[in-house]
Amino acid sequence: MPTHKRRFIFEFLEGETAGGLMLMGAAVAAMILANTPLFPYYQLLTDTLFAIQIGDFALAKPLLLWVNDGLMAIFFLLVGLELKRELFEGELSDPTQIVLPAVGAVGGMVIPAAVYLFFNYDDPMNSQGWAIPAATDIAFALGILTLMGSKVPVSLKVFLTSLAIFDDIGAIVIIALFYTDNISVLALTVALVCIVVLTFLNVKRIDETSLYFVFGLVMWVAMLKSGVHATLAGVILAMFIPLKSKDDPNHSPLKELEHDLHPAVAFVILPIFAFFNAGINLTQADLSTHPVTIGIALGLFVGKQLGIFGCCFLAIRLGFAKLPKGMSMGSLYGAAALCGVGFTMSLFIGSLAFGGVDTGFDERLGIVLGSLLSGIFGFTILSMTLKKPAKDH
């Protein structure tokens, strides 16, 4: 593998694994606050109304929605930057490297969704949550891998990261197609005008990322008002950031922005998101075996490992793909189980599916349960299959 590719992989893994540990800490802190006498203050924080008004134009949302619609747009901007770099010169630019994680990602989205719908197909409201168990939280998964130290081969981490990238692509498509509100033609027109301007800046290879951010911000506000979920503005903006500088061939505006955003996303944005969304008050939650809870939990814990491992196993046996060097079928199965940790993206999609609706259940219970079982089971399988320090560590 070329040196520059290895450098980006190591930098990515270093940020993701440490960020995953912070994510765990933020989620635990939210759960503690939500189940102590401090819960009213936690709820007051998430529900506090914050408004920005200029003349007759106003944006007024609870802090929870500012986090989910605003901060998560920056997260999706980073996801878009990583996707673009990987597709043009990273691991995903080599067709031989992408078959196995791509096949695994498809199975890891389809089978969990099918498991969920098996329990909820007959209820129109419940069925809206079909995409919740289809997501993988790469930060959490890599954070768990970190606990295993030098036993984990780099090839396993690269496979897991590549699979998560395809999973993110699937999540972006799902959000765009299935989780939009009534469309505002005027707001959508403003967003399209911003895309035209961004295209012009990209064609002219303008290096000043601040210009892209100005029109990206206008596009985010327009999409917020359009009915298309505003976080998609981050992905769209990323596609227009130049990969190479017009004046300096050794400078990449995209890589520089990705490098600058990574710490903020891993150590600030995702932990804040987890803190605001993971506070489940178990005394008020419905702990009964609700079909949504069962569907999400089994979708993540059972559907993910069956979908990913099953599809990868078939691809390898049929000769369409090869098992990465340093990995075994056992470690592949452990990685597939670990992908059932869908915490961040599952919570996010859950907020789109059921947010603002009095459903009588809390989908977060299924997410926490399925992710917890997947993390423990995946860690156990990998501990049994990875017994010696990896040669390619």
Protein backbone atom coordinates (compact mmCIF):
# COMPACT_ATOMS: atom_id res chain seq x y z
CA MET A 1 0.00 0.00 0.00
CA PRO A 2 1.44 3.47 -0.91
CA THR A 3 2.87 5.50 1.96
CA HIS A 4 0.44 8.42 1.59
CA LYS A 5 -2.53 6.06 1.80
CA ARG A 6 -1.17 4.46 4.98
CA ARG A 7 -0.59 7.89 6.53
CA PHE A 8 -4.21 8.95 5.98
CA ILE A 9 -5.49 5.61 7.27
CA PHE A 10 -3.43 5.86 10.47
CA GLU A 11 -4.48 9.48 11.05
CA PHE A 12 -8.12 8.54 10.48
CA LEU A 13 -7.97 5.57 12.83
CA GLU A 14 -6.17 7.56 15.52
CA GLY A 15 -8.88 10.22 15.55
CA GLU A 16 -11.78 7.77 15.27
CA THR A 17 -10.65 5.43 18.04
CA ALA A 18 -9.94 8.19 20.57
CA GLY A 19 -13.15 9.93 19.53
CA GLY A 20 -15.04 6.67 20.02
CA LEU A 21 -13.91 6.52 23.64
CA MET A 22 -15.13 10.10 24.18
CA LEU A 23 -18.40 9.17 22.51
CA MET A 24 -18.86 6.34 25.00
CA GLY A 25 -18.15 8.69 27.89
CA ALA A 26 -20.68 11.26 26.65
CA ALA A 27 -23.36 8.59 26.23
CA VAL A 28 -22.74 7.22 29.72
CA ALA A 29 -22.88 10.75 31.18
CA ALA A 30 -26.24 11.37 29.47
CA MET A 31 -27.65 8.10 30.81
CA ILE A 32 -26.50 8.96 34.33
CA LEU A 33 -28.05 12.44 34.23
CA ALA A 34 -31.29 11.08 32.77
CA ASN A 35 -31.72 8.59 35.61
CA THR A 36 -30.88 10.77 38.60
CA PRO A 37 -32.63 13.75 40.22
CA LEU A 38 -30.72 15.88 37.67
CA PHE A 39 -32.98 14.68 34.83
CA PRO A 40 -35.21 17.84 34.83
CA TYR A 41 -32.09 19.97 34.27
CA TYR A 42 -30.91 17.67 31.46
CA GLN A 43 -34.34 17.91 29.82
CA LEU A 44 -34.36 21.69 30.30
CA LEU A 45 -31.02 21.88 28.47
CA THR A 46 -32.14 19.80 25.48
CA ASP A 47 -35.49 21.63 25.20
CA THR A 48 -34.14 25.19 25.62
CA LEU A 49 -35.27 27.30 22.68
CA PHE A 50 -32.51 29.09 20.77
CA ALA A 51 -33.43 31.56 18.03
CA ILE A 52 -31.61 33.53 15.33
CA GLN A 53 -33.62 36.35 13.77
CA ILE A 54 -32.78 38.87 11.06
CA GLY A 55 -35.75 41.10 10.28
CA ASP A 56 -38.71 38.87 9.43
CA PHE A 57 -36.49 35.83 8.91
CA ALA A 58 -36.15 33.64 11.99
CA LEU A 59 -34.78 30.24 12.93
CA ALA A 60 -36.07 29.07 16.31
CA LYS A 61 -35.37 25.52 17.47
CA PRO A 62 -34.67 23.66 20.72
CA LEU A 63 -30.99 23.03 21.37
CA LEU A 64 -31.55 19.34 20.60
CA LEU A 65 -32.54 20.18 17.02
CA TRP A 66 -29.71 22.68 16.62
CA VAL A 67 -27.38 19.80 17.46
CA ASN A 68 -29.15 17.30 15.19
CA ASP A 69 -29.69 19.64 12.23
CA GLY A 70 -26.72 21.99 12.63
CA LEU A 71 -23.75 20.27 14.22
CA MET A 72 -24.51 17.03 12.40
CA ALA A 73 -24.32 18.90 9.09
CA ILE A 74 -20.64 19.47 9.90
CA PHE A 75 -20.30 15.75 10.64
CA PHE A 76 -21.80 14.95 7.23
CA LEU A 77 -19.45 17.51 5.64
CA LEU A 78 -16.53 15.51 7.04
CA VAL A 79 -18.12 12.27 5.82
CA GLY A 80 -18.44 13.80 2.34
CA LEU A 81 -14.81 14.94 2.33
CA GLU A 82 -13.64 11.46 3.33
CA LEU A 83 -15.82 9.87 0.65
CA LYS A 84 -14.48 12.13 -2.08
CA ARG A 85 -10.84 11.58 -1.08
CA GLU A 86 -11.26 7.81 -0.79
CA LEU A 87 -13.00 7.58 -4.17
CA PHE A 88 -10.36 9.59 -6.03
CA GLU A 89 -7.10 8.46 -4.45
CA GLY A 90 -7.80 6.37 -1.36
CA GLU A 91 -8.76 2.77 -0.67
CA LEU A 92 -11.96 3.05 -2.71
CA SER A 93 -10.06 4.11 -5.84
CA ASP A 94 -8.80 0.53 -6.24
CA PRO A 95 -11.65 -1.74 -7.44
CA THR A 96 -10.00 -4.82 -5.95
CA GLN A 97 -10.13 -3.24 -2.49
CA ILE A 98 -13.78 -2.22 -2.50
CA VAL A 99 -15.68 -5.35 -3.52
CA LEU A 100 -15.69 -7.10 -0.13
CA PRO A 101 -16.60 -4.08 2.06
CA ALA A 102 -19.16 -2.92 -0.55
CA VAL A 103 -20.87 -6.32 -0.62
CA GLY A 104 -20.75 -6.49 3.18
CA ALA A 105 -22.25 -3.01 3.51
CA VAL A 106 -25.19 -3.89 1.25
CA GLY A 107 -25.93 -7.01 3.28
CA GLY A 108 -25.44 -5.03 6.47
CA MET A 109 -28.19 -2.61 5.45
CA VAL A 110 -30.72 -4.89 3.75
CA ILE A 111 -30.86 -7.75 6.29
CA PRO A 112 -31.21 -5.53 9.43
CA ALA A 113 -33.99 -3.58 7.71
CA ALA A 114 -35.71 -6.86 6.83
CA VAL A 115 -35.42 -8.09 10.42
CA TYR A 116 -36.96 -4.84 11.67
CA LEU A 117 -39.84 -4.98 9.17
CA PHE A 118 -40.53 -8.60 10.12
CA PHE A 119 -41.72 -7.30 13.49
CA ASN A 120 -43.24 -4.00 12.32
CA TYR A 121 -44.51 -4.36 8.73
CA ASP A 122 -48.17 -4.27 9.76
CA ASP A 123 -48.01 -0.90 11.54
CA PRO A 124 -47.53 2.17 9.27
CA MET A 125 -46.03 4.30 12.05
CA ASN A 126 -43.67 1.62 13.37
CA SER A 127 -42.49 0.68 9.87
CA GLN A 128 -41.05 4.19 9.41
CA GLY A 129 -38.10 3.11 11.56
CA TRP A 130 -36.89 0.41 9.14
CA ALA A 131 -33.60 2.21 8.45
CA ILE A 132 -32.61 2.63 12.12
CA PRO A 133 -30.74 -0.72 12.44
CA ALA A 134 -29.14 -0.31 8.98
CA ALA A 135 -26.48 2.11 10.27
CA THR A 136 -23.00 1.48 11.68
CA ASP A 137 -21.16 3.75 14.12
CA ILE A 138 -17.52 3.57 12.99
CA ALA A 139 -16.26 5.70 15.90
CA PHE A 140 -17.74 3.34 18.49
CA ALA A 141 -16.62 0.23 16.59
CA LEU A 142 -13.03 1.43 16.27
CA GLY A 143 -13.08 2.56 19.88
CA ILE A 144 -13.90 -1.02 20.90
CA LEU A 145 -11.12 -2.34 18.63
CA THR A 146 -8.68 -0.04 20.41
CA LEU A 147 -9.26 -1.96 23.63
CA MET A 148 -7.64 -5.00 21.98
CA GLY A 149 -4.33 -3.25 21.34
CA SER A 150 -1.73 -4.70 18.96
CA LYS A 151 -3.70 -7.90 18.27
CA VAL A 152 -5.83 -6.08 15.69
CA PRO A 153 -4.31 -6.12 12.18
CA VAL A 154 -4.44 -2.91 10.14
CA SER A 155 -6.22 -4.86 7.38
CA LEU A 156 -9.15 -5.45 9.75
CA LYS A 157 -9.36 -1.77 10.64
CA VAL A 158 -9.18 -0.78 6.96
CA PHE A 159 -11.93 -3.28 6.10
CA LEU A 160 -14.13 -1.97 8.90
CA THR A 161 -13.51 1.64 7.88
CA SER A 162 -14.17 0.95 4.18
CA LEU A 163 -17.38 -0.88 5.03
CA ALA A 164 -18.48 2.05 7.19
CA ILE A 165 -17.86 4.44 4.27
CA PHE A 166 -20.24 2.45 2.06
CA ASP A 167 -22.65 2.32 4.99
CA ASP A 168 -22.50 6.12 5.19
CA ILE A 169 -23.27 6.37 1.46
CA GLY A 170 -26.31 4.18 2.01
CA ALA A 171 -27.42 6.28 4.99
CA ILE A 172 -27.10 9.49 2.94
CA VAL A 173 -29.23 8.03 0.14
CA ILE A 174 -31.82 6.74 2.61
CA ILE A 175 -32.12 10.12 4.35
CA ALA A 176 -32.43 11.93 1.01
CA LEU A 177 -35.10 9.59 -0.38
CA PHE A 178 -37.17 8.52 2.61
CA TYR A 179 -36.83 11.09 5.40
CA THR A 180 -37.90 14.38 3.86
CA ASP A 181 -40.89 16.55 4.74
CA ASN A 182 -43.18 18.52 2.45
CA ILE A 183 -40.99 20.21 -0.16
CA SER A 184 -40.81 24.02 -0.39
CA VAL A 185 -40.11 24.90 -4.03
CA LEU A 186 -38.80 28.40 -3.21
CA ALA A 187 -36.32 27.18 -0.57
CA LEU A 188 -35.21 24.32 -2.80
CA THR A 189 -34.63 26.79 -5.64
CA VAL A 190 -32.33 28.84 -3.40
CA ALA A 191 -30.41 25.65 -2.54
CA LEU A 192 -30.05 24.82 -6.25
CA VAL A 193 -28.72 28.34 -6.97
CA CYS A 194 -26.10 27.77 -4.26
CA ILE A 195 -25.13 24.49 -5.93
CA VAL A 196 -24.67 26.34 -9.25
CA VAL A 197 -22.37 28.86 -7.55
CA LEU A 198 -20.43 26.07 -5.83
CA THR A 199 -20.02 24.36 -9.20
CA PHE A 200 -18.59 27.59 -10.65
CA LEU A 201 -16.12 27.91 -7.76
CA ASN A 202 -15.06 24.29 -8.21
CA VAL A 203 -14.63 24.58 -11.99
CA LYS A 204 -12.48 27.68 -11.46
CA ARG A 205 -10.62 25.68 -8.76
CA ILE A 206 -10.92 28.46 -6.20
CA ASP A 207 -8.86 27.42 -3.17
CA GLU A 208 -10.45 29.69 -0.56
CA THR A 209 -12.63 27.30 1.41
CA SER A 210 -14.24 30.26 3.20
CA LEU A 211 -16.10 31.11 -0.03
CA TYR A 212 -17.48 27.59 -0.22
CA PHE A 213 -18.58 27.86 3.41
CA VAL A 214 -20.51 31.09 2.78
CA PHE A 215 -22.63 29.51 0.05
CA GLY A 216 -22.71 26.24 1.96
CA LEU A 217 -24.27 28.03 4.93
CA VAL A 218 -26.93 29.66 2.71
CA MET A 219 -27.61 26.24 1.18
CA TRP A 220 -27.95 24.69 4.67
CA VAL A 221 -30.54 27.31 5.71
CA ALA A 222 -32.42 26.86 2.44
CA MET A 223 -32.49 23.07 2.82
CA LEU A 224 -33.60 23.49 6.44
CA LYS A 225 -36.62 25.38 5.11
CA SER A 226 -37.10 23.19 2.01
CA GLY A 227 -38.14 19.95 3.68
CA VAL A 228 -35.02 18.07 2.50
CA HIS A 229 -32.99 17.25 5.59
CA ALA A 230 -30.45 20.02 6.20
CA THR A 231 -27.56 17.69 7.08
CA LEU A 232 -27.37 16.68 3.40
CA ALA A 233 -26.06 20.18 2.70
CA GLY A 234 -22.80 19.07 4.35
CA VAL A 235 -22.36 16.16 1.95
CA ILE A 236 -23.22 18.29 -1.08
CA LEU A 237 -20.79 21.01 -0.03
CA ALA A 238 -17.99 18.46 0.39
CA MET A 239 -18.34 17.32 -3.23
CA PHE A 240 -17.32 20.81 -4.46
CA ILE A 241 -14.22 21.36 -2.29
CA PRO A 242 -11.22 21.03 -4.67
CA LEU A 243 -9.04 17.97 -4.17
CA LYS A 244 -6.03 19.73 -5.69
CA SER A 245 -4.96 23.36 -5.65
CA LYS A 246 -4.77 25.28 -8.92
CA ASP A 247 -1.58 27.10 -7.91
CA ASP A 248 0.22 24.55 -5.72
CA PRO A 249 0.10 20.87 -6.81
CA ASN A 250 1.30 19.81 -3.37
CA HIS A 251 -1.58 21.52 -1.59
CA SER A 252 -5.05 20.01 -1.26
CA PRO A 253 -7.86 22.26 0.07
CA LEU A 254 -9.98 19.14 0.65
CA LYS A 255 -7.35 17.30 2.69
CA GLU A 256 -6.52 20.43 4.67
CA LEU A 257 -10.17 20.99 5.54
CA GLU A 258 -10.64 17.30 6.38
CA HIS A 259 -7.59 17.42 8.66
CA ASP A 260 -8.89 20.56 10.40
CA LEU A 261 -12.44 19.24 10.88
CA HIS A 262 -11.56 15.76 12.10
CA PRO A 263 -10.63 16.69 15.71
CA ALA A 264 -13.66 18.97 16.07
CA VAL A 265 -16.04 16.27 14.84
CA ALA A 266 -14.46 13.37 16.76
CA PHE A 267 -13.88 15.16 20.05
CA VAL A 268 -16.64 17.79 20.15
CA ILE A 269 -19.53 17.32 17.72
CA LEU A 270 -20.16 13.58 18.04
CA PRO A 271 -19.80 13.54 21.85
CA ILE A 272 -22.22 16.51 22.07
CA PHE A 273 -24.65 14.65 19.79
CA ALA A 274 -24.39 11.54 21.96
CA PHE A 275 -24.89 13.57 25.12
CA PHE A 276 -28.03 15.28 23.78
CA ASN A 277 -29.57 12.11 22.30
CA ALA A 278 -28.62 9.25 24.63
CA GLY A 279 -30.34 10.47 27.79
CA ILE A 280 -33.01 7.78 28.19
CA ASN A 281 -34.98 8.02 31.43
CA LEU A 282 -35.60 4.37 32.23
CA THR A 283 -38.23 5.24 34.85
CA GLN A 284 -40.38 6.89 32.20
CA ALA A 285 -39.55 4.61 29.27
CA ASP A 286 -41.70 1.70 28.18
CA LEU A 287 -39.54 -1.32 29.04
CA SER A 288 -42.00 -3.83 27.63
CA THR A 289 -41.21 -5.91 24.55
CA HIS A 290 -42.45 -3.36 22.01
CA PRO A 291 -42.09 -4.45 18.34
CA VAL A 292 -39.99 -1.36 17.55
CA THR A 293 -37.56 -2.11 20.40
CA ILE A 294 -37.32 -5.77 19.37
CA GLY A 295 -36.93 -4.94 15.68
CA ILE A 296 -34.13 -2.44 16.27
CA ALA A 297 -32.27 -4.56 18.82
CA LEU A 298 -32.42 -7.76 16.74
CA GLY A 299 -31.78 -5.83 13.52
CA LEU A 300 -28.52 -4.49 14.94
CA PHE A 301 -27.43 -7.57 16.86
CA VAL A 302 -28.60 -10.37 14.55
CA GLY A 303 -29.27 -8.69 11.20
CA LYS A 304 -25.95 -6.87 10.96
CA GLN A 305 -23.71 -9.87 11.57
CA LEU A 306 -25.79 -12.17 9.36
CA GLY A 307 -26.01 -9.63 6.55
CA ILE A 308 -22.36 -8.58 6.52
CA PHE A 309 -20.75 -11.96 7.19
CA GLY A 310 -23.20 -13.87 5.01
CA CYS A 311 -22.71 -11.63 1.96
CA CYS A 312 -18.92 -11.47 2.43
CA PHE A 313 -18.73 -15.26 2.84
CA LEU A 314 -20.66 -15.79 -0.39
CA ALA A 315 -18.54 -13.24 -2.28
CA ILE A 316 -15.33 -14.96 -1.15
CA ARG A 317 -16.62 -18.48 -1.88
CA LEU A 318 -17.88 -17.46 -5.33
CA GLY A 319 -14.55 -15.81 -6.15
CA PHE A 320 -15.83 -12.25 -6.42
CA ALA A 321 -13.62 -11.04 -3.57
CA LYS A 322 -10.66 -12.07 -1.45
CA LEU A 323 -10.22 -12.10 2.30
CA PRO A 324 -7.77 -9.28 3.21
CA LYS A 325 -4.31 -10.38 4.28
CA GLY A 326 -4.05 -10.77 8.05
CA MET A 327 -7.76 -11.54 8.46
CA SER A 328 -9.48 -14.89 9.01
CA MET A 329 -13.09 -15.94 8.70
CA GLY A 330 -13.31 -15.70 12.48
CA SER A 331 -12.07 -12.11 12.57
CA LEU A 332 -14.38 -11.28 9.64
CA TYR A 333 -17.32 -12.60 11.67
CA GLY A 334 -16.20 -10.63 14.73
CA ALA A 335 -15.97 -7.45 12.65
CA ALA A 336 -19.44 -8.11 11.23
CA ALA A 337 -20.84 -8.47 14.75
CA LEU A 338 -19.08 -5.28 15.81
CA CYS A 339 -20.83 -3.40 12.99
CA GLY A 340 -24.04 -3.91 14.94
CA VAL A 341 -22.94 -0.95 17.05
CA GLY A 342 -25.09 1.61 15.27
CA PHE A 343 -25.25 4.18 18.03
CA THR A 344 -24.71 7.62 16.48
CA MET A 345 -26.23 7.11 13.03
CA SER A 346 -29.06 4.94 14.42
CA LEU A 347 -29.98 7.66 16.92
CA PHE A 348 -29.87 10.22 14.14
CA ILE A 349 -32.11 8.24 11.79
CA GLY A 350 -34.39 7.45 14.73
CA SER A 351 -34.82 11.18 15.34
CA LEU A 352 -35.83 11.59 11.68
CA ALA A 353 -38.24 8.63 11.74
CA PHE A 354 -40.00 9.34 15.04
CA GLY A 355 -38.83 12.79 16.17
CA GLY A 356 -41.60 15.11 17.25
CA VAL A 357 -44.21 12.33 17.24
CA ASP A 358 -45.81 10.99 20.42
CA THR A 359 -45.29 7.31 19.65
CA GLY A 360 -45.71 5.83 23.11
CA PHE A 361 -42.34 4.08 22.85
CA ASP A 362 -38.67 5.09 22.88
CA GLU A 363 -36.70 3.72 19.93
CA ARG A 364 -33.45 4.59 21.71
CA LEU A 365 -33.90 1.59 24.02
CA GLY A 366 -33.57 -0.78 21.07
CA ILE A 367 -30.56 1.15 19.75
CA VAL A 368 -28.73 1.02 23.08
CA LEU A 369 -29.59 -2.64 23.65
CA GLY A 370 -28.64 -3.78 20.13
CA SER A 371 -25.43 -1.73 20.13
CA LEU A 372 -24.42 -2.97 23.58
CA LEU A 373 -24.98 -6.64 22.69
CA SER A 374 -23.14 -6.20 19.37
CA GLY A 375 -20.18 -4.50 21.04
CA ILE A 376 -19.81 -7.18 23.71
CA PHE A 377 -20.32 -10.09 21.29
CA GLY A 378 -18.04 -8.65 18.61
CA PHE A 379 -15.31 -7.94 21.17
CA THR A 380 -15.61 -11.50 22.51
CA ILE A 381 -15.37 -13.12 19.06
CA LEU A 382 -12.38 -10.98 18.08
CA SER A 383 -10.67 -11.72 21.41
CA MET A 384 -10.96 -15.43 20.63
CA THR A 385 -9.78 -15.16 17.01
CA LEU A 386 -7.01 -12.55 17.45
CA LYS A 387 -4.72 -14.14 20.01
CA LYS A 388 -1.32 -12.81 18.96
CA PRO A 389 0.01 -9.34 18.08
CA ALA A 390 -0.71 -8.63 14.41
CA LYS A 391 2.27 -8.78 12.04
CA ASP A 392 1.00 -5.82 10.02
CA HIS A 393 0.17 -3.68 13.07
